[in-house]
Protein backbone atom coordinates (compact mmCIF):
# COMPACT_ATOMS: atom_id res chain seq x y z
CA MET A 1 122.31 -244.16 189.92
CA GLY A 2 118.89 -243.32 188.78
CA ARG A 3 120.06 -240.04 187.46
CA VAL A 4 122.99 -241.52 185.58
CA SER A 5 120.84 -244.09 183.86
CA LEU A 6 118.28 -241.41 182.99
CA TRP A 7 121.06 -239.28 181.57
CA ALA A 8 122.42 -242.26 179.61
CA LYS A 9 118.96 -242.95 178.16
CA LYS A 10 118.61 -239.33 177.03
CA LEU A 11 122.06 -239.50 175.48
CA LYS A 12 121.19 -242.68 173.59
CA THR A 13 117.90 -241.25 172.32
CA ASN A 14 119.67 -238.07 171.21
CA GLN A 15 122.27 -240.15 169.36
CA LYS A 16 119.52 -242.16 167.67
CA ARG A 17 117.79 -238.94 166.62
CA ARG A 18 121.03 -237.59 165.21
CA LYS A 19 121.57 -240.78 163.21
CA LYS A 20 118.04 -240.55 161.84
CA THR A 21 118.52 -236.86 161.08
CA LYS A 22 121.80 -237.63 159.30
CA LYS A 23 120.09 -240.35 157.29
CA LYS A 24 117.23 -237.99 156.46
CA SER A 25 119.60 -235.17 155.54
CA LYS A 26 121.64 -237.46 153.29
CA PHE A 27 118.46 -238.69 151.63
CA THR A 28 117.17 -235.12 151.24
CA LEU A 29 120.47 -233.95 149.77
CA ALA A 30 120.51 -236.87 147.31
CA LEU A 31 116.89 -236.14 146.36
CA ILE A 32 117.67 -232.44 145.74
CA ILE A 33 120.72 -233.30 143.60
CA VAL A 34 118.78 -235.83 141.51
CA SER A 35 115.83 -233.43 141.08
CA ALA A 36 118.09 -230.52 140.06
CA THR A 37 119.96 -232.73 137.58
CA PHE A 38 116.67 -233.96 136.08
CA PHE A 39 115.37 -230.37 135.82
CA ILE A 40 118.53 -229.09 134.13
CA ILE A 41 118.59 -231.96 131.63
CA SER A 42 114.87 -231.52 130.87
CA ALA A 43 115.20 -227.76 130.43
CA GLY A 44 118.24 -228.19 128.18
CA GLY A 45 116.44 -230.79 126.07
CA GLY A 46 113.34 -228.63 125.75
CA LEU A 47 115.42 -225.60 124.82
CA SER A 48 117.40 -227.53 122.22
CA TYR A 49 114.21 -228.93 120.70
CA TYR A 50 112.56 -225.49 120.65
CA MET A 51 115.62 -223.86 119.07
CA GLY A 52 115.81 -226.57 116.39
CA TRP A 53 119.15 -227.97 117.47
CA VAL A 54 117.71 -231.49 117.89
CA ASP A 55 116.53 -231.50 114.28
CA SER A 56 119.93 -230.53 112.96
CA ILE A 57 121.76 -233.05 115.18
CA MET A 58 119.41 -235.89 114.27
CA GLY A 59 119.39 -234.99 110.57
CA TRP A 60 115.64 -234.45 110.42
CA GLU A 61 114.48 -232.04 107.75
CA ARG A 62 111.18 -230.28 107.75
CA PRO A 63 109.59 -229.50 104.39
CA GLN A 64 110.09 -225.89 103.41
CA SER A 65 107.15 -224.09 101.89
CA SER A 66 107.02 -220.70 100.29
CA ALA A 67 104.18 -218.60 98.98
CA GLN A 68 104.43 -216.34 95.99
CA LEU A 69 102.00 -213.52 95.50
CA SER A 70 101.48 -211.73 92.24
CA LEU A 71 100.30 -208.25 93.13
CA GLY A 72 100.87 -206.68 89.77
CA LYS A 73 102.76 -203.53 89.07
CA PRO A 74 102.09 -200.76 91.61
CA VAL A 75 100.39 -197.56 90.49
CA PHE A 76 101.01 -194.08 91.92
CA PHE A 77 97.83 -192.10 92.43
CA PRO A 78 98.27 -188.36 93.19
CA LEU A 79 95.91 -186.78 95.70
CA PRO A 80 94.94 -183.11 95.42
CA GLU A 81 97.32 -180.44 96.69
CA ILE A 82 97.22 -179.92 100.48
CA ARG A 83 97.88 -176.78 102.50
CA VAL A 84 97.75 -177.32 106.28
CA ASP A 85 98.42 -175.07 109.26
CA LEU A 86 100.63 -176.93 111.73
CA LYS A 87 100.11 -176.92 115.47
CA THR A 88 102.10 -174.28 117.33
CA ASN A 89 102.10 -172.20 120.51
CA GLU A 90 103.02 -169.03 118.63
CA CYS A 91 100.78 -166.39 117.15
CA ARG A 92 101.86 -167.08 113.58
CA ALA A 93 101.37 -170.71 112.61
CA PRO A 94 103.65 -172.36 110.02
CA PHE A 95 101.97 -174.18 107.20
CA LEU A 96 102.76 -177.20 105.06
CA HIS A 97 102.12 -177.16 101.33
CA THR A 98 102.42 -180.61 99.72
CA VAL A 99 101.16 -183.12 97.18
CA ILE A 100 100.74 -186.73 98.31
CA HIS A 101 101.17 -189.71 95.98
CA VAL A 102 99.61 -193.00 97.07
CA GLN A 103 101.20 -196.23 95.88
CA LEU A 104 98.69 -199.05 95.44
CA SER A 105 97.68 -201.89 93.18
CA PRO A 106 95.69 -201.12 90.00
CA ASP A 107 92.61 -202.90 91.39
CA ASP A 108 92.37 -200.52 94.35
CA VAL A 109 92.45 -197.23 92.42
CA SER A 110 88.65 -197.13 92.01
CA ARG A 111 88.15 -197.74 95.75
CA LEU A 112 90.53 -194.87 96.55
CA GLU A 113 88.70 -192.54 94.16
CA ASP A 114 85.37 -193.42 95.83
CA ASN A 115 86.73 -192.76 99.34
CA GLN A 116 89.06 -189.89 98.47
CA ASP A 117 87.25 -187.41 100.75
CA LEU A 118 87.61 -189.71 103.78
CA VAL A 119 91.28 -190.31 103.02
CA MET A 120 91.98 -186.59 102.62
CA ASP A 121 90.15 -185.84 105.87
CA GLY A 122 92.26 -188.42 107.73
CA ILE A 123 95.49 -187.03 106.27
CA LEU A 124 94.56 -183.43 107.11
CA THR A 125 93.60 -184.39 110.66
CA HIS A 126 96.90 -186.17 111.12
CA LEU A 127 98.93 -183.28 109.74
CA ARG A 128 97.13 -180.64 111.83
CA GLY A 129 98.21 -182.48 114.96
CA GLN A 130 101.92 -182.29 114.01
CA GLU A 131 104.35 -179.58 115.06
CA ARG A 132 106.95 -178.03 112.77
CA GLN A 133 109.94 -179.36 114.68
CA HIS A 134 108.56 -182.91 114.33
CA LEU A 135 108.49 -182.64 110.53
CA VAL A 136 111.97 -181.18 109.94
CA GLY A 137 114.86 -183.33 108.68
CA LYS A 138 115.16 -186.96 107.75
CA GLU A 139 113.22 -188.20 110.78
CA GLY A 140 110.42 -185.79 109.96
CA SER A 141 110.14 -186.98 106.38
CA GLU A 142 110.13 -190.59 107.58
CA ARG A 143 107.39 -189.69 110.06
CA LEU A 144 105.25 -188.42 107.16
CA ARG A 145 105.39 -191.80 105.42
CA PHE A 146 102.23 -193.56 106.48
């Protein structure tokens, strides 16, 4: 009889543990569901506020501001004629013969004239690093606009 009662006690304690585990698992499941719901609602609210949907739903209007700049009429300033040997792996290097026109505001023309040598040096350095196949066609002409 001692063994039966010991076995019955173990069975009762196991059943109690299972009931506690079931209660804990139900509580844990409910906690996870509530937390996930709260997270989804919070994320959706934050996203809608960030995207501006809350303002449009609530009818709130933010003041619109705009800035207008008067730059004046642009001036085209021609730089001296350039002749540059392009980079190549061949014995005979192709060259580029061009005139560059700079578009700028009238106030900046004197600054460009003062620094014309530095500007020309930068342009020549840039062009000497280019290969012929990079300057051919529409993409090549767009690449030269800097």
